[in-house]
Amino acid sequence: MIEPGLYNYWIAMILMMTGFFVVISRGNLVKKIVGLNIFQTSVFILYISFSKVDGATAPILDDRFTSYGNPLPHVLILTAIVVGVATSALGLALVVRIREAYGTIEEDEILEQDSAS
């Protein structure tokens, strides 16, 4: 049986493998971007899970608190979310341009057109 405190790690691993599977098994470029976003979200969950400390509080200096959590992983994940949104937008913009140039967003059809010319 899974220990109650470890569910978030299992969820992160399931999401990671799901995203990886979507990326390697699909030929549609938009589906690949969605798979990468799922994979990226699993990494976010994993890093936030690593930073959780039982019984810790926010780093506010007070005599009542003895254990503090580190806010740095949360800040890094917020930055990674912003970067992830920007790269997803760029990837989707590239897919639009590829669709204009090739008339399709299926990887196999694009490679077939490139090899024919």
PDB file of N, CA and C in Angstrom:
ATOM      1  N   MET A   1       0.836  -1.183   0.000  1.00  0.00           N
ATOM      2  CA  MET A   1       0.000   0.000   0.000  1.00  0.00           C
ATOM      3  C   MET A   1       0.879   1.243   0.000  1.00  0.00           C
ATOM      4  N   ILE A   2       0.382   2.280  -0.614  1.00  0.00           N
ATOM      5  CA  ILE A   2       1.138   3.532  -0.708  1.00  0.00           C
ATOM      6  C   ILE A   2       0.997   4.303   0.595  1.00  0.00           C
ATOM      7  N   GLU A   3       2.105   4.807   1.073  1.00  0.00           N
ATOM      8  CA  GLU A   3       2.092   5.625   2.278  1.00  0.00           C
ATOM      9  C   GLU A   3       1.316   6.916   2.026  1.00  0.00           C
ATOM     10  N   PRO A   4       0.481   7.351   2.956  1.00  0.00           N
ATOM     11  CA  PRO A   4      -0.388   8.514   2.709  1.00  0.00           C
ATOM     12  C   PRO A   4       0.355   9.793   2.311  1.00  0.00           C
ATOM     13  N   GLY A   5       1.548   9.989   2.771  1.00  0.00           N
ATOM     14  CA  GLY A   5       2.282  11.208   2.449  1.00  0.00           C
ATOM     15  C   GLY A   5       2.962  11.190   1.092  1.00  0.00           C
ATOM     16  N   LEU A   6       2.872  10.063   0.378  1.00  0.00           N
ATOM     17  CA  LEU A   6       3.599   9.935  -0.883  1.00  0.00           C
ATOM     18  C   LEU A   6       2.714   9.982  -2.121  1.00  0.00           C
ATOM     19  N   TYR A   7       1.440  10.276  -1.960  1.00  0.00           N
ATOM     20  CA  TYR A   7       0.537  10.314  -3.116  1.00  0.00           C
ATOM     21  C   TYR A   7       0.956  11.353  -4.145  1.00  0.00           C
ATOM     22  N   ASN A   8       1.430  12.501  -3.680  1.00  0.00           N
ATOM     23  CA  ASN A   8       1.811  13.545  -4.630  1.00  0.00           C
ATOM     24  C   ASN A   8       2.988  13.110  -5.501  1.00  0.00           C
ATOM     25  N   TYR A   9       3.886  12.283  -4.983  1.00  0.00           N
ATOM     26  CA  TYR A   9       4.995  11.788  -5.802  1.00  0.00           C
ATOM     27  C   TYR A   9       4.483  10.812  -6.866  1.00  0.00           C
ATOM     28  N   TRP A  10       3.534   9.971  -6.480  1.00  0.00           N
ATOM     29  CA  TRP A  10       2.950   9.039  -7.453  1.00  0.00           C
ATOM     30  C   TRP A  10       2.188   9.788  -8.535  1.00  0.00           C
ATOM     31  N   ILE A  11       1.454  10.817  -8.138  1.00  0.00           N
ATOM     32  CA  ILE A  11       0.732  11.621  -9.127  1.00  0.00           C
ATOM     33  C   ILE A  11       1.705  12.296 -10.078  1.00  0.00           C
ATOM     34  N   ALA A  12       2.796  12.814  -9.540  1.00  0.00           N
ATOM     35  CA  ALA A  12       3.804  13.454 -10.387  1.00  0.00           C
ATOM     36  C   ALA A  12       4.402  12.453 -11.371  1.00  0.00           C
ATOM     37  N   MET A  13       4.678  11.231 -10.918  1.00  0.00           N
ATOM     38  CA  MET A  13       5.255  10.221 -11.816  1.00  0.00           C
ATOM     39  C   MET A  13       4.250   9.783 -12.884  1.00  0.00           C
ATOM     40  N   ILE A  14       2.985   9.642 -12.506  1.00  0.00           N
ATOM     41  CA  ILE A  14       1.963   9.265 -13.487  1.00  0.00           C
ATOM     42  C   ILE A  14       1.811  10.356 -14.537  1.00  0.00           C
ATOM     43  N   LEU A  15       1.762  11.611 -14.086  1.00  0.00           N
ATOM     44  CA  LEU A  15       1.678  12.721 -15.046  1.00  0.00           C
ATOM     45  C   LEU A  15       2.914  12.782 -15.944  1.00  0.00           C
ATOM     46  N   MET A  16       4.074  12.514 -15.358  1.00  0.00           N
ATOM     47  CA  MET A  16       5.312  12.561 -16.130  1.00  0.00           C
ATOM     48  C   MET A  16       5.308  11.499 -17.230  1.00  0.00           C
ATOM     49  N   MET A  17       4.923  10.298 -16.880  1.00  0.00           N
ATOM     50  CA  MET A  17       4.891   9.226 -17.873  1.00  0.00           C
ATOM     51  C   MET A  17       3.785   9.448 -18.901  1.00  0.00           C
ATOM     52  N   THR A  18       2.670  10.035 -18.487  1.00  0.00           N
ATOM     53  CA  THR A  18       1.595  10.348 -19.432  1.00  0.00           C
ATOM     54  C   THR A  18       2.065  11.384 -20.442  1.00  0.00           C
ATOM     55  N   GLY A  19       2.690  12.443 -19.959  1.00  0.00           N
ATOM     56  CA  GLY A  19       3.211  13.471 -20.857  1.00  0.00           C
ATOM     57  C   GLY A  19       4.268  12.921 -21.796  1.00  0.00           C
ATOM     58  N   PHE A  20       5.154  12.100 -21.272  1.00  0.00           N
ATOM     59  CA  PHE A  20       6.197  11.499 -22.099  1.00  0.00           C
ATOM     60  C   PHE A  20       5.594  10.602 -23.171  1.00  0.00           C
ATOM     61  N   PHE A  21       4.586   9.807 -22.799  1.00  0.00           N
ATOM     62  CA  PHE A  21       3.920   8.931 -23.748  1.00  0.00           C
ATOM     63  C   PHE A  21       3.249   9.731 -24.864  1.00  0.00           C
ATOM     64  N   VAL A  22       2.582  10.814 -24.503  1.00  0.00           N
ATOM     65  CA  VAL A  22       1.919  11.643 -25.514  1.00  0.00           C
ATOM     66  C   VAL A  22       2.946  12.210 -26.484  1.00  0.00           C
ATOM     67  N   VAL A  23       4.080  12.656 -25.983  1.00  0.00           N
ATOM     68  CA  VAL A  23       5.110  13.241 -26.849  1.00  0.00           C
ATOM     69  C   VAL A  23       5.668  12.219 -27.829  1.00  0.00           C
ATOM     70  N   ILE A  24       5.945  11.001 -27.364  1.00  0.00           N
ATOM     71  CA  ILE A  24       6.587  10.032 -28.258  1.00  0.00           C
ATOM     72  C   ILE A  24       5.593   9.266 -29.122  1.00  0.00           C
ATOM     73  N   SER A  25       4.311   9.254 -28.750  1.00  0.00           N
ATOM     74  CA  SER A  25       3.368   8.423 -29.504  1.00  0.00           C
ATOM     75  C   SER A  25       2.505   9.195 -30.493  1.00  0.00           C
ATOM     76  N   ARG A  26       2.444  10.470 -30.409  1.00  0.00           N
ATOM     77  CA  ARG A  26       1.565  11.264 -31.265  1.00  0.00           C
ATOM     78  C   ARG A  26       2.362  11.982 -32.340  1.00  0.00           C
ATOM     79  N   GLY A  27       1.768  12.085 -33.522  1.00  0.00           N
ATOM     80  CA  GLY A  27       2.408  12.791 -34.625  1.00  0.00           C
ATOM     81  C   GLY A  27       1.906  14.209 -34.781  1.00  0.00           C
ATOM     82  N   ASN A  28       0.802  14.529 -34.117  1.00  0.00           N
ATOM     83  CA  ASN A  28       0.223  15.856 -34.193  1.00  0.00           C
ATOM     84  C   ASN A  28       1.058  16.809 -33.342  1.00  0.00           C
ATOM     85  N   LEU A  29       1.482  17.931 -33.930  1.00  0.00           N
ATOM     86  CA  LEU A  29       2.380  18.844 -33.227  1.00  0.00           C
ATOM     87  C   LEU A  29       1.714  19.520 -32.035  1.00  0.00           C
ATOM     88  N   VAL A  30       0.423  19.814 -32.127  1.00  0.00           N
ATOM     89  CA  VAL A  30      -0.276  20.425 -30.995  1.00  0.00           C
ATOM     90  C   VAL A  30      -0.364  19.428 -29.838  1.00  0.00           C
ATOM     91  N   LYS A  31      -0.614  18.170 -30.147  1.00  0.00           N
ATOM     92  CA  LYS A  31      -0.665  17.146 -29.100  1.00  0.00           C
ATOM     93  C   LYS A  31       0.695  16.974 -28.442  1.00  0.00           C
ATOM     94  N   LYS A  32       1.761  17.120 -29.216  1.00  0.00           N
ATOM     95  CA  LYS A  32       3.102  17.054 -28.639  1.00  0.00           C
ATOM     96  C   LYS A  32       3.336  18.201 -27.656  1.00  0.00           C
ATOM     97  N   ILE A  33       2.865  19.382 -27.999  1.00  0.00           N
ATOM     98  CA  ILE A  33       3.015  20.533 -27.098  1.00  0.00           C
ATOM     99  C   ILE A  33       2.203  20.312 -25.826  1.00  0.00           C
ATOM    100  N   VAL A  34       0.998  19.762 -25.961  1.00  0.00           N
ATOM    101  CA  VAL A  34       0.183  19.453 -24.784  1.00  0.00           C
ATOM    102  C   VAL A  34       0.894  18.407 -23.916  1.00  0.00           C
ATOM    103  N   GLY A  35       1.495  17.402 -24.534  1.00  0.00           N
ATOM    104  CA  GLY A  35       2.251  16.398 -23.788  1.00  0.00           C
ATOM    105  C   GLY A  35       3.430  17.005 -23.049  1.00  0.00           C
ATOM    106  N   LEU A  36       4.120  17.930 -23.688  1.00  0.00           N
ATOM    107  CA  LEU A  36       5.229  18.611 -23.016  1.00  0.00           C
ATOM    108  C   LEU A  36       4.733  19.442 -21.839  1.00  0.00           C
ATOM    109  N   ASN A  37       3.570  20.060 -21.975  1.00  0.00           N
ATOM    110  CA  ASN A  37       3.002  20.834 -20.875  1.00  0.00           C
ATOM    111  C   ASN A  37       2.600  19.936 -19.714  1.00  0.00           C
ATOM    112  N   ILE A  38       2.068  18.754 -20.006  1.00  0.00           N
ATOM    113  CA  ILE A  38       1.736  17.802 -18.940  1.00  0.00           C
ATOM    114  C   ILE A  38       3.013  17.357 -18.231  1.00  0.00           C
ATOM    115  N   PHE A  39       4.035  17.059 -19.000  1.00  0.00           N
ATOM    116  CA  PHE A  39       5.328  16.666 -18.424  1.00  0.00           C
ATOM    117  C   PHE A  39       5.878  17.776 -17.542  1.00  0.00           C
ATOM    118  N   GLN A  40       5.799  19.003 -18.029  1.00  0.00           N
ATOM    119  CA  GLN A  40       6.302  20.156 -17.285  1.00  0.00           C
ATOM    120  C   GLN A  40       5.523  20.350 -15.981  1.00  0.00           C
ATOM    121  N   THR A  41       4.226  20.158 -16.022  1.00  0.00           N
ATOM    122  CA  THR A  41       3.419  20.283 -14.816  1.00  0.00           C
ATOM    123  C   THR A  41       3.807  19.236 -13.784  1.00  0.00           C
ATOM    124  N   SER A  42       4.133  18.042 -14.238  1.00  0.00           N
ATOM    125  CA  SER A  42       4.558  17.007 -13.295  1.00  0.00           C
ATOM    126  C   SER A  42       5.867  17.387 -12.616  1.00  0.00           C
ATOM    127  N   VAL A  43       6.743  18.030 -13.336  1.00  0.00           N
ATOM    128  CA  VAL A  43       8.009  18.483 -12.731  1.00  0.00           C
ATOM    129  C   VAL A  43       7.727  19.563 -11.694  1.00  0.00           C
ATOM    130  N   PHE A  44       6.789  20.453 -11.983  1.00  0.00           N
ATOM    131  CA  PHE A  44       6.414  21.476 -11.008  1.00  0.00           C
ATOM    132  C   PHE A  44       5.894  20.834  -9.731  1.00  0.00           C
ATOM    133  N   ILE A  45       5.011  19.853  -9.872  1.00  0.00           N
ATOM    134  CA  ILE A  45       4.454  19.168  -8.700  1.00  0.00           C
ATOM    135  C   ILE A  45       5.562  18.479  -7.917  1.00  0.00           C
ATOM    136  N   LEU A  46       6.491  17.868  -8.622  1.00  0.00           N
ATOM    137  CA  LEU A  46       7.582  17.163  -7.958  1.00  0.00           C
ATOM    138  C   LEU A  46       8.460  18.122  -7.156  1.00  0.00           C
ATOM    139  N   TYR A  47       8.829  19.258  -7.742  1.00  0.00           N
ATOM    140  CA  TYR A  47       9.672  20.226  -7.033  1.00  0.00           C
ATOM    141  C   TYR A  47       8.958  20.823  -5.833  1.00  0.00           C
ATOM    142  N   ILE A  48       7.668  21.120  -5.974  1.00  0.00           N
ATOM    143  CA  ILE A  48       6.912  21.647  -4.839  1.00  0.00           C
ATOM    144  C   ILE A  48       6.802  20.581  -3.747  1.00  0.00           C
ATOM    145  N   SER A  49       6.672  19.315  -4.133  1.00  0.00           N
ATOM    146  CA  SER A  49       6.600  18.233  -3.146  1.00  0.00           C
ATOM    147  C   SER A  49       7.915  18.105  -2.382  1.00  0.00           C
ATOM    148  N   PHE A  50       9.025  18.292  -3.062  1.00  0.00           N
ATOM    149  CA  PHE A  50      10.323  18.222  -2.389  1.00  0.00           C
ATOM    150  C   PHE A  50      10.462  19.317  -1.340  1.00  0.00           C
ATOM    151  N   SER A  51       9.847  20.456  -1.582  1.00  0.00           N
ATOM    152  CA  SER A  51      10.070  21.596  -0.695  1.00  0.00           C
ATOM    153  C   SER A  51       9.158  21.581   0.528  1.00  0.00           C
ATOM    154  N   LYS A  52       8.193  20.658   0.581  1.00  0.00           N
ATOM    155  CA  LYS A  52       7.273  20.601   1.716  1.00  0.00           C
ATOM    156  C   LYS A  52       7.978  20.052   2.945  1.00  0.00           C
ATOM    157  N   VAL A  53       7.851  20.782   4.061  1.00  0.00           N
ATOM    158  CA  VAL A  53       8.432  20.361   5.331  1.00  0.00           C
ATOM    159  C   VAL A  53       7.298  20.244   6.345  1.00  0.00           C
ATOM    160  N   ASP A  54       7.150  19.074   6.956  1.00  0.00           N
ATOM    161  CA  ASP A  54       6.077  18.875   7.938  1.00  0.00           C
ATOM    162  C   ASP A  54       6.289  19.773   9.161  1.00  0.00           C
ATOM    163  N   GLY A  55       5.243  20.462   9.547  1.00  0.00           N
ATOM    164  CA  GLY A  55       5.304  21.309  10.737  1.00  0.00           C
ATOM    165  C   GLY A  55       5.992  22.634  10.533  1.00  0.00           C
ATOM    166  N   ALA A  56       6.419  22.922   9.323  1.00  0.00           N
ATOM    167  CA  ALA A  56       7.128  24.181   9.073  1.00  0.00           C
ATOM    168  C   ALA A  56       6.137  25.270   8.711  1.00  0.00           C
ATOM    169  N   THR A  57       6.548  26.490   8.906  1.00  0.00           N
ATOM    170  CA  THR A  57       5.720  27.648   8.587  1.00  0.00           C
ATOM    171  C   THR A  57       6.475  28.561   7.634  1.00  0.00           C
ATOM    172  N   ALA A  58       5.801  29.587   7.190  1.00  0.00           N
ATOM    173  CA  ALA A  58       6.463  30.564   6.323  1.00  0.00           C
ATOM    174  C   ALA A  58       7.610  31.211   7.087  1.00  0.00           C
ATOM    175  N   PRO A  59       8.644  31.637   6.383  1.00  0.00           N
ATOM    176  CA  PRO A  59       9.816  32.198   7.077  1.00  0.00           C
ATOM    177  C   PRO A  59       9.534  33.593   7.653  1.00  0.00           C
ATOM    178  N   ILE A  60       8.715  33.620   8.695  1.00  0.00           N
ATOM    179  CA  ILE A  60       8.419  34.855   9.425  1.00  0.00           C
ATOM    180  C   ILE A  60       9.082  34.725  10.780  1.00  0.00           C
ATOM    181  N   LEU A  61       9.970  35.642  11.078  1.00  0.00           N
ATOM    182  CA  LEU A  61      10.717  35.554  12.324  1.00  0.00           C
ATOM    183  C   LEU A  61       9.816  35.894  13.502  1.00  0.00           C
ATOM    184  N   ASP A  62       9.604  34.900  14.344  1.00  0.00           N
ATOM    185  CA  ASP A  62       8.778  35.048  15.528  1.00  0.00           C
ATOM    186  C   ASP A  62       9.208  33.965  16.507  1.00  0.00           C
ATOM    187  N   ASP A  63       9.078  34.255  17.794  1.00  0.00           N
ATOM    188  CA  ASP A  63       9.501  33.285  18.809  1.00  0.00           C
ATOM    189  C   ASP A  63       8.609  32.054  18.856  1.00  0.00           C
ATOM    190  N   ARG A  64       7.393  32.139  18.335  1.00  0.00           N
ATOM    191  CA  ARG A  64       6.474  31.003  18.363  1.00  0.00           C
ATOM    192  C   ARG A  64       6.871  29.907  17.372  1.00  0.00           C
ATOM    193  N   PHE A  65       7.632  30.245  16.336  1.00  0.00           N
ATOM    194  CA  PHE A  65       7.958  29.288  15.279  1.00  0.00           C
ATOM    195  C   PHE A  65       9.404  28.848  15.392  1.00  0.00           C
ATOM    196  N   THR A  66       9.620  27.552  15.219  1.00  0.00           N
ATOM    197  CA  THR A  66      10.987  27.022  15.275  1.00  0.00           C
ATOM    198  C   THR A  66      11.407  26.387  13.958  1.00  0.00           C
ATOM    199  N   SER A  67      10.440  25.989  13.146  1.00  0.00           N
ATOM    200  CA  SER A  67      10.755  25.327  11.882  1.00  0.00           C
ATOM    201  C   SER A  67      10.184  26.152  10.735  1.00  0.00           C
ATOM    202  N   TYR A  68      11.028  26.426   9.756  1.00  0.00           N
ATOM    203  CA  TYR A  68      10.624  27.263   8.639  1.00  0.00           C
ATOM    204  C   TYR A  68      10.764  26.499   7.324  1.00  0.00           C
ATOM    205  N   GLY A  69       9.841  26.776   6.414  1.00  0.00           N
ATOM    206  CA  GLY A  69       9.924  26.209   5.078  1.00  0.00           C
ATOM    207  C   GLY A  69      10.718  27.136   4.175  1.00  0.00           C
ATOM    208  N   ASN A  70      11.343  26.560   3.171  1.00  0.00           N
ATOM    209  CA  ASN A  70      12.143  27.347   2.239  1.00  0.00           C
ATOM    210  C   ASN A  70      11.238  27.845   1.107  1.00  0.00           C
ATOM    211  N   PRO A  71      11.120  29.159   0.908  1.00  0.00           N
ATOM    212  CA  PRO A  71      10.254  29.672  -0.159  1.00  0.00           C
ATOM    213  C   PRO A  71      10.909  29.651  -1.542  1.00  0.00           C
ATOM    214  N   LEU A  72      12.195  29.379  -1.617  1.00  0.00           N
ATOM    215  CA  LEU A  72      12.905  29.426  -2.889  1.00  0.00           C
ATOM    216  C   LEU A  72      12.331  28.468  -3.947  1.00  0.00           C
ATOM    217  N   PRO A  73      12.013  27.212  -3.625  1.00  0.00           N
ATOM    218  CA  PRO A  73      11.430  26.344  -4.660  1.00  0.00           C
ATOM    219  C   PRO A  73      10.124  26.894  -5.220  1.00  0.00           C
ATOM    220  N   HIS A  74       9.296  27.508  -4.380  1.00  0.00           N
ATOM    221  CA  HIS A  74       8.038  28.064  -4.854  1.00  0.00           C
ATOM    222  C   HIS A  74       8.291  29.220  -5.811  1.00  0.00           C
ATOM    223  N   VAL A  75       9.262  30.035  -5.476  1.00  0.00           N
ATOM    224  CA  VAL A  75       9.603  31.170  -6.348  1.00  0.00           C
ATOM    225  C   VAL A  75      10.154  30.665  -7.679  1.00  0.00           C
ATOM    226  N   LEU A  76      10.983  29.649  -7.635  1.00  0.00           N
ATOM    227  CA  LEU A  76      11.538  29.092  -8.863  1.00  0.00           C
ATOM    228  C   LEU A  76      10.448  28.473  -9.733  1.00  0.00           C
ATOM    229  N   ILE A  77       9.477  27.832  -9.111  1.00  0.00           N
ATOM    230  CA  ILE A  77       8.387  27.232  -9.876  1.00  0.00           C
ATOM    231  C   ILE A  77       7.516  28.316 -10.498  1.00  0.00           C
ATOM    232  N   LEU A  78       7.272  29.410  -9.784  1.00  0.00           N
ATOM    233  CA  LEU A  78       6.526  30.519 -10.380  1.00  0.00           C
ATOM    234  C   LEU A  78       7.241  31.054 -11.614  1.00  0.00           C
ATOM    235  N   THR A  79       8.552  31.170 -11.523  1.00  0.00           N
ATOM    236  CA  THR A  79       9.331  31.607 -12.679  1.00  0.00           C
ATOM    237  C   THR A  79       9.249  30.586 -13.806  1.00  0.00           C
ATOM    238  N   ALA A  80       9.312  29.307 -13.451  1.00  0.00           N
ATOM    239  CA  ALA A  80       9.231  28.252 -14.465  1.00  0.00           C
ATOM    240  C   ALA A  80       7.860  28.225 -15.137  1.00  0.00           C
ATOM    241  N   ILE A  81       6.810  28.544 -14.398  1.00  0.00           N
ATOM    242  CA  ILE A  81       5.479  28.602 -14.992  1.00  0.00           C
ATOM    243  C   ILE A  81       5.411  29.697 -16.041  1.00  0.00           C
ATOM    244  N   VAL A  82       5.975  30.848 -15.732  1.00  0.00           N
ATOM    245  CA  VAL A  82       5.990  31.955 -16.694  1.00  0.00           C
ATOM    246  C   VAL A  82       6.783  31.572 -17.939  1.00  0.00           C
ATOM    247  N   VAL A  83       7.932  30.957 -17.741  1.00  0.00           N
ATOM    248  CA  VAL A  83       8.741  30.520 -18.878  1.00  0.00           C
ATOM    249  C   VAL A  83       7.999  29.443 -19.674  1.00  0.00           C
ATOM    250  N   GLY A  84       7.312  28.537 -18.985  1.00  0.00           N
ATOM    251  CA  GLY A  84       6.554  27.493 -19.658  1.00  0.00           C
ATOM    252  C   GLY A  84       5.418  28.039 -20.508  1.00  0.00           C
ATOM    253  N   VAL A  85       4.723  29.044 -20.003  1.00  0.00           N
ATOM    254  CA  VAL A  85       3.655  29.664 -20.788  1.00  0.00           C
ATOM    255  C   VAL A  85       4.236  30.340 -22.029  1.00  0.00           C
ATOM    256  N   ALA A  86       5.359  31.016 -21.860  1.00  0.00           N
ATOM    257  CA  ALA A  86       5.990  31.689 -23.002  1.00  0.00           C
ATOM    258  C   ALA A  86       6.465  30.683 -24.047  1.00  0.00           C
ATOM    259  N   THR A  87       7.074  29.585 -23.622  1.00  0.00           N
ATOM    260  CA  THR A  87       7.544  28.600 -24.595  1.00  0.00           C
ATOM    261  C   THR A  87       6.377  27.876 -25.260  1.00  0.00           C
ATOM    262  N   SER A  88       5.290  27.657 -24.525  1.00  0.00           N
ATOM    263  CA  SER A  88       4.103  27.049 -25.139  1.00  0.00           C
ATOM    264  C   SER A  88       3.514  27.965 -26.198  1.00  0.00           C
ATOM    265  N   ALA A  89       3.462  29.256 -25.887  1.00  0.00           N
ATOM    266  CA  ALA A  89       2.944  30.220 -26.865  1.00  0.00           C
ATOM    267  C   ALA A  89       3.834  30.256 -28.105  1.00  0.00           C
ATOM    268  N   LEU A  90       5.142  30.222 -27.905  1.00  0.00           N
ATOM    269  CA  LEU A  90       6.065  30.197 -29.035  1.00  0.00           C
ATOM    270  C   LEU A  90       5.897  28.922 -29.849  1.00  0.00           C
ATOM    271  N   GLY A  91       5.766  27.787 -29.172  1.00  0.00           N
ATOM    272  CA  GLY A  91       5.567  26.525 -29.870  1.00  0.00           C
ATOM    273  C   GLY A  91       4.286  26.514 -30.686  1.00  0.00           C
ATOM    274  N   LEU A  92       3.210  27.045 -30.112  1.00  0.00           N
ATOM    275  CA  LEU A  92       1.952  27.108 -30.854  1.00  0.00           C
ATOM    276  C   LEU A  92       2.037  28.072 -32.028  1.00  0.00           C
ATOM    277  N   ALA A  93       2.775  29.169 -31.859  1.00  0.00           N
ATOM    278  CA  ALA A  93       2.973  30.098 -32.976  1.00  0.00           C
ATOM    279  C   ALA A  93       3.764  29.422 -34.098  1.00  0.00           C
ATOM    280  N   LEU A  94       4.745  28.615 -33.737  1.00  0.00           N
ATOM    281  CA  LEU A  94       5.503  27.873 -34.746  1.00  0.00           C
ATOM    282  C   LEU A  94       4.624  26.841 -35.446  1.00  0.00           C
ATOM    283  N   VAL A  95       3.722  26.215 -34.702  1.00  0.00           N
ATOM    284  CA  VAL A  95       2.804  25.256 -35.313  1.00  0.00           C
ATOM    285  C   VAL A  95       1.908  25.956 -36.328  1.00  0.00           C
ATOM    286  N   VAL A  96       1.457  27.156 -35.999  1.00  0.00           N
ATOM    287  CA  VAL A  96       0.636  27.920 -36.943  1.00  0.00           C
ATOM    288  C   VAL A  96       1.421  28.201 -38.217  1.00  0.00           C
ATOM    289  N   ARG A  97       2.682  28.611 -38.075  1.00  0.00           N
ATOM    290  CA  ARG A  97       3.513  28.882 -39.255  1.00  0.00           C
ATOM    291  C   ARG A  97       3.791  27.613 -40.055  1.00  0.00           C
ATOM    292  N   ILE A  98       3.995  26.504 -39.382  1.00  0.00           N
ATOM    293  CA  ILE A  98       4.206  25.224 -40.065  1.00  0.00           C
ATOM    294  C   ILE A  98       2.939  24.834 -40.828  1.00  0.00           C
ATOM    295  N   ARG A  99       1.788  25.056 -40.219  1.00  0.00           N
ATOM    296  CA  ARG A  99       0.510  24.763 -40.893  1.00  0.00           C
ATOM    297  C   ARG A  99       0.336  25.609 -42.137  1.00  0.00           C
ATOM    298  N   GLU A 100       0.755  26.879 -42.067  1.00  0.00           N
ATOM    299  CA  GLU A 100       0.676  27.747 -43.240  1.00  0.00           C
ATOM    300  C   GLU A 100       1.617  27.284 -44.344  1.00  0.00           C
ATOM    301  N   ALA A 101       2.796  26.813 -43.964  1.00  0.00           N
ATOM    302  CA  ALA A 101       3.792  26.416 -44.956  1.00  0.00           C
ATOM    303  C   ALA A 101       3.503  25.042 -45.563  1.00  0.00           C
ATOM    304  N   TYR A 102       3.055  24.091 -44.749  1.00  0.00           N
ATOM    305  CA  TYR A 102       2.885  22.708 -45.211  1.00  0.00           C
ATOM    306  C   TYR A 102       1.437  22.289 -45.385  1.00  0.00           C
ATOM    307  N   GLY A 103       0.503  23.024 -44.808  1.00  0.00           N
ATOM    308  CA  GLY A 103      -0.902  22.662 -44.908  1.00  0.00           C
ATOM    309  C   GLY A 103      -1.314  21.562 -43.949  1.00  0.00           C
ATOM    310  N   THR A 104      -0.453  21.179 -43.026  1.00  0.00           N
ATOM    311  CA  THR A 104      -0.749  20.127 -42.062  1.00  0.00           C
ATOM    312  C   THR A 104       0.091  20.333 -40.811  1.00  0.00           C
ATOM    313  N   ILE A 105      -0.343  19.693 -39.734  1.00  0.00           N
ATOM    314  CA  ILE A 105       0.466  19.716 -38.508  1.00  0.00           C
ATOM    315  C   ILE A 105       0.818  18.291 -38.070  1.00  0.00           C
ATOM    316  N   GLU A 106       0.632  17.341 -38.965  1.00  0.00           N
ATOM    317  CA  GLU A 106       1.022  15.961 -38.693  1.00  0.00           C
ATOM    318  C   GLU A 106       2.488  15.778 -39.086  1.00  0.00           C
ATOM    319  N   GLU A 107       3.262  15.265 -38.156  1.00  0.00           N
ATOM    320  CA  GLU A 107       4.704  15.131 -38.345  1.00  0.00           C
ATOM    321  C   GLU A 107       5.065  14.252 -39.552  1.00  0.00           C
ATOM    322  N   ASP A 108       4.363  13.149 -39.729  1.00  0.00           N
ATOM    323  CA  ASP A 108       4.652  12.234 -40.834  1.00  0.00           C
ATOM    324  C   ASP A 108       4.430  12.896 -42.190  1.00  0.00           C
ATOM    325  N   GLU A 109       3.346  13.656 -42.316  1.00  0.00           N
ATOM    326  CA  GLU A 109       3.047  14.319 -43.572  1.00  0.00           C
ATOM    327  C   GLU A 109       4.065  15.424 -43.889  1.00  0.00           C
ATOM    328  N   ILE A 110       4.526  16.104 -42.860  1.00  0.00           N
ATOM    329  CA  ILE A 110       5.537  17.151 -43.026  1.00  0.00           C
ATOM    330  C   ILE A 110       6.850  16.530 -43.517  1.00  0.00           C
ATOM    331  N   LEU A 111       7.257  15.430 -42.878  1.00  0.00           N
ATOM    332  CA  LEU A 111       8.494  14.750 -43.274  1.00  0.00           C
ATOM    333  C   LEU A 111       8.369  14.189 -44.694  1.00  0.00           C
ATOM    334  N   GLU A 112       7.190  13.698 -45.038  1.00  0.00           N
ATOM    335  CA  GLU A 112       6.962  13.171 -46.385  1.00  0.00           C
ATOM    336  C   GLU A 112       7.082  14.283 -47.435  1.00  0.00           C
ATOM    337  N   GLN A 113       6.523  15.447 -47.134  1.00  0.00           N
ATOM    338  CA  GLN A 113       6.620  16.577 -48.063  1.00  0.00           C
ATOM    339  C   GLN A 113       8.060  17.062 -48.179  1.00  0.00           C
ATOM    340  N   ASP A 114       8.794  17.055 -47.087  1.00  0.00           N
ATOM    341  CA  ASP A 114      10.201  17.484 -47.140  1.00  0.00           C
ATOM    342  C   ASP A 114      11.053  16.501 -47.948  1.00  0.00           C
ATOM    343  N   SER A 115      10.805  15.218 -47.796  1.00  0.00           N
ATOM    344  CA  SER A 115      11.598  14.244 -48.540  1.00  0.00           C
ATOM    345  C   SER A 115      11.239  14.226 -50.026  1.00  0.00           C
ATOM    346  N   ALA A 116      10.017  14.639 -50.375  1.00  0.00           N
ATOM    347  CA  ALA A 116       9.603  14.662 -51.784  1.00  0.00           C
ATOM    348  C   ALA A 116      10.212  15.852 -52.528  1.00  0.00           C
ATOM    349  N   SER A 117      10.534  16.910 -51.790  1.00  0.00           N
ATOM    350  CA  SER A 117      11.101  18.083 -52.493  1.00  0.00           C
ATOM    351  C   SER A 117      12.591  18.176 -52.404  1.00  0.00           C
TER     352      SER A 117
END
